[in-house]
Protein backbone atom coordinates (compact mmCIF):
# COMPACT_ATOMS: atom_id res chain seq x y z
CA MET A 1 100.42 95.57 119.55
CA THR A 2 102.47 97.65 121.75
CA GLU A 3 106.20 98.33 120.91
CA GLN A 4 106.70 97.37 124.43
CA VAL A 5 105.21 93.96 124.35
CA MET A 6 107.07 92.97 120.65
CA GLN A 7 110.13 94.18 122.70
CA THR A 8 110.02 91.48 125.23
CA LEU A 9 108.80 88.47 123.22
CA ILE A 10 111.81 89.99 120.42
CA VAL A 11 114.07 89.78 123.30
CA ASN A 12 113.09 86.48 126.04
CA PRO A 13 111.10 84.80 124.36
CA ALA A 14 111.02 82.03 127.34
CA ASN A 15 109.02 85.31 129.12
CA ALA A 16 106.26 83.58 127.00
CA PRO A 17 104.51 80.69 128.84
CA HIS A 18 103.43 78.12 125.84
CA VAL A 19 99.81 77.34 126.73
CA GLN A 20 98.34 76.51 123.39
CA GLU A 21 97.52 73.13 124.88
CA ASN A 22 95.89 74.77 127.79
CA LEU A 23 93.17 76.61 125.52
CA ASP A 24 90.54 74.27 124.24
CA ASN A 25 88.62 75.18 120.93
CA LYS A 26 86.54 78.27 121.40
CA GLU A 27 89.06 80.45 123.10
CA ILE A 28 91.44 79.49 120.48
CA ALA A 29 88.87 81.39 117.97
CA ILE A 30 88.25 83.92 120.39
CA LEU A 31 91.94 84.61 120.49
CA ARG A 32 92.01 83.49 116.01
CA LEU A 33 88.94 86.13 115.83
CA LEU A 34 90.73 88.80 118.49
CA CYS A 35 94.27 88.88 116.40
CA SER A 36 92.39 89.73 113.40
CA GLY A 37 91.14 93.84 115.59
CA ALA A 38 87.42 91.65 115.95
CA SER A 39 85.60 93.62 119.34
CA ASN A 40 83.80 91.19 121.78
CA ALA A 41 80.08 92.16 119.82
CA ASP A 42 82.24 90.69 116.72
CA ILE A 43 83.00 88.03 118.03
CA GLY A 44 79.42 86.67 120.03
CA GLN A 45 78.03 87.28 116.82
CA SER A 46 80.47 85.38 114.51
CA LEU A 47 79.90 82.03 117.46
CA TYR A 48 77.22 83.08 118.48
CA MET A 49 77.72 83.86 121.45
CA SER A 50 76.36 86.82 123.73
CA ASN A 51 78.73 89.36 125.21
CA THR A 52 78.56 88.13 128.87
CA SER A 53 79.77 84.71 127.11
CA VAL A 54 83.29 86.58 125.13
CA LYS A 55 84.02 88.03 128.88
CA ARG A 56 84.91 85.31 130.20
CA LYS A 57 86.11 83.67 127.90
CA LEU A 58 88.36 86.23 127.22
CA ARG A 59 89.37 86.84 131.29
CA SER A 60 89.56 82.82 130.86
CA ILE A 61 92.42 82.91 127.87
CA PHE A 62 94.09 85.88 129.70
CA ASN A 63 94.55 83.92 132.70
CA LYS A 64 95.73 81.08 130.55
CA MET A 65 97.73 82.89 128.75
CA ASN A 66 99.30 85.29 131.72
CA VAL A 67 98.05 88.83 129.85
CA GLN A 68 96.57 90.79 130.94
CA THR A 69 95.42 92.97 127.48
CA ARG A 70 94.08 92.46 123.98
CA ALA A 71 97.44 93.84 122.86
CA GLN A 72 99.41 90.86 125.18
CA ALA A 73 96.85 87.68 124.16
CA ALA A 74 96.98 88.73 120.68
CA ALA A 75 101.67 88.75 120.95
CA GLU A 76 101.51 85.25 123.28
CA ALA A 77 99.35 83.96 119.96
CA VAL A 78 101.61 85.09 117.12
CA ARG A 79 104.22 84.05 119.18
CA GLN A 80 103.69 80.91 119.43
CA GLY A 81 102.42 80.03 116.33
CA ILE A 82 98.07 80.48 117.64
CA VAL A 83 97.51 82.65 114.73
């Protein structure tokens, strides 16, 4: 997680939307694994998903969270108490 992302959330947490209720159970599981540092291959193996399915779910998560990177998604997940 970059210092800039953390500072943005610390300075103005209202900038981040509340999206936990928009995530399905699989997306939450993926997000938790992502936050633990798992690669797409690791996530797929843990959740019995293909690499393509993991990528699709990550895109969906990023869109719902209005973020563009794994680090931003992780920061938002921590801020919202998802992980």
